[in-house]
């Protein structure tokens, strides 16, 4: 359980600041993931709507969580 959300937020901000994203590296990772999905016959999907019921349930659960009070985050 996270007890000090301010500490965690500062940690995440520093982590992002110290490790900027690398567009080319991210492109390579995405390309590799796509090739692996093709090799595993996972992509392209035979039926894109397979499992949509679970996606809808998950989205409803996520959207039902109240938003954190923004004053407490800073």
Protein backbone atom coordinates (compact mmCIF):
# COMPACT_ATOMS: atom_id res chain seq x y z
CA UNK A 1 0.00 0.00 0.00
CA UNK A 2 1.30 3.44 -0.87
CA UNK A 3 1.33 5.61 2.22
CA UNK A 4 3.16 8.64 0.90
CA UNK A 5 1.76 9.53 -2.51
CA UNK A 6 3.79 12.74 -2.69
CA UNK A 7 7.03 10.77 -2.31
CA UNK A 8 5.92 8.36 -5.03
CA UNK A 9 4.95 11.21 -7.37
CA UNK A 10 8.34 12.87 -6.84
CA UNK A 11 10.08 9.57 -7.48
CA UNK A 12 8.17 9.06 -10.74
CA UNK A 13 8.85 12.64 -11.88
CA UNK A 14 12.58 12.25 -11.21
CA UNK A 15 12.64 8.89 -12.99
CA UNK A 16 11.06 10.38 -16.11
CA UNK A 17 13.35 13.40 -15.98
CA UNK A 18 16.50 11.25 -15.68
CA UNK A 19 15.40 8.75 -18.36
CA UNK A 20 13.91 10.64 -21.28
CA UNK A 21 12.10 8.58 -23.87
CA UNK A 22 14.03 7.53 -26.95
CA UNK A 23 11.79 7.55 -30.02
CA UNK A 24 14.00 5.28 -32.12
CA UNK A 25 14.42 2.77 -29.30
CA UNK A 26 10.67 2.72 -28.74
CA UNK A 27 10.13 2.11 -32.47
CA UNK A 28 12.51 -0.87 -32.35
CA UNK A 29 10.71 -2.31 -29.33
CA UNK A 30 7.33 -1.89 -31.01
CA UNK A 31 8.59 -3.50 -34.22
CA UNK A 32 10.03 -6.44 -32.26
CA UNK A 33 6.78 -6.92 -30.35
CA UNK A 34 4.81 -6.87 -33.60
CA UNK A 35 7.13 -9.48 -35.17
CA UNK A 36 6.81 -11.70 -32.09
CA UNK A 37 3.01 -11.43 -32.18
CA UNK A 38 3.06 -12.44 -35.84
CA UNK A 39 5.37 -15.38 -35.10
CA UNK A 40 3.05 -16.55 -32.31
CA UNK A 41 0.02 -16.20 -34.62
CA UNK A 42 -1.56 -13.80 -32.14
CA UNK A 43 -1.81 -10.93 -34.57
CA UNK A 44 -3.71 -10.12 -36.68
CA UNK A 45 -6.73 -11.30 -34.75
CA UNK A 46 -9.05 -13.73 -36.49
CA UNK A 47 -12.01 -12.07 -34.83
CA UNK A 48 -11.20 -8.61 -33.45
CA UNK A 49 -14.27 -8.67 -31.20
CA UNK A 50 -13.18 -11.79 -29.31
CA UNK A 51 -13.02 -10.94 -25.62
CA UNK A 52 -14.69 -7.57 -25.97
CA UNK A 53 -17.03 -8.42 -23.09
CA UNK A 54 -14.05 -8.60 -20.74
CA UNK A 55 -12.68 -5.33 -22.10
CA UNK A 56 -16.02 -3.63 -21.45
CA UNK A 57 -16.20 -5.00 -17.88
CA UNK A 58 -12.64 -3.85 -17.24
CA UNK A 59 -13.34 -0.36 -18.63
CA UNK A 60 -16.48 -0.04 -16.48
CA UNK A 61 -14.52 -1.04 -13.37
CA UNK A 62 -11.71 1.42 -14.10
CA UNK A 63 -14.11 4.26 -14.90
CA UNK A 64 -16.12 3.67 -11.71
CA UNK A 65 -13.12 4.47 -9.49
CA UNK A 66 -13.40 8.06 -8.26
CA UNK A 67 -10.68 10.45 -9.37
CA UNK A 68 -8.02 11.27 -6.80
CA UNK A 69 -8.33 14.73 -5.34
CA UNK A 70 -5.73 16.71 -7.29
CA UNK A 71 -4.87 18.90 -4.29
CA UNK A 72 -3.52 15.84 -2.46
CA UNK A 73 -1.32 14.85 -5.39
CA UNK A 74 0.90 17.97 -5.27
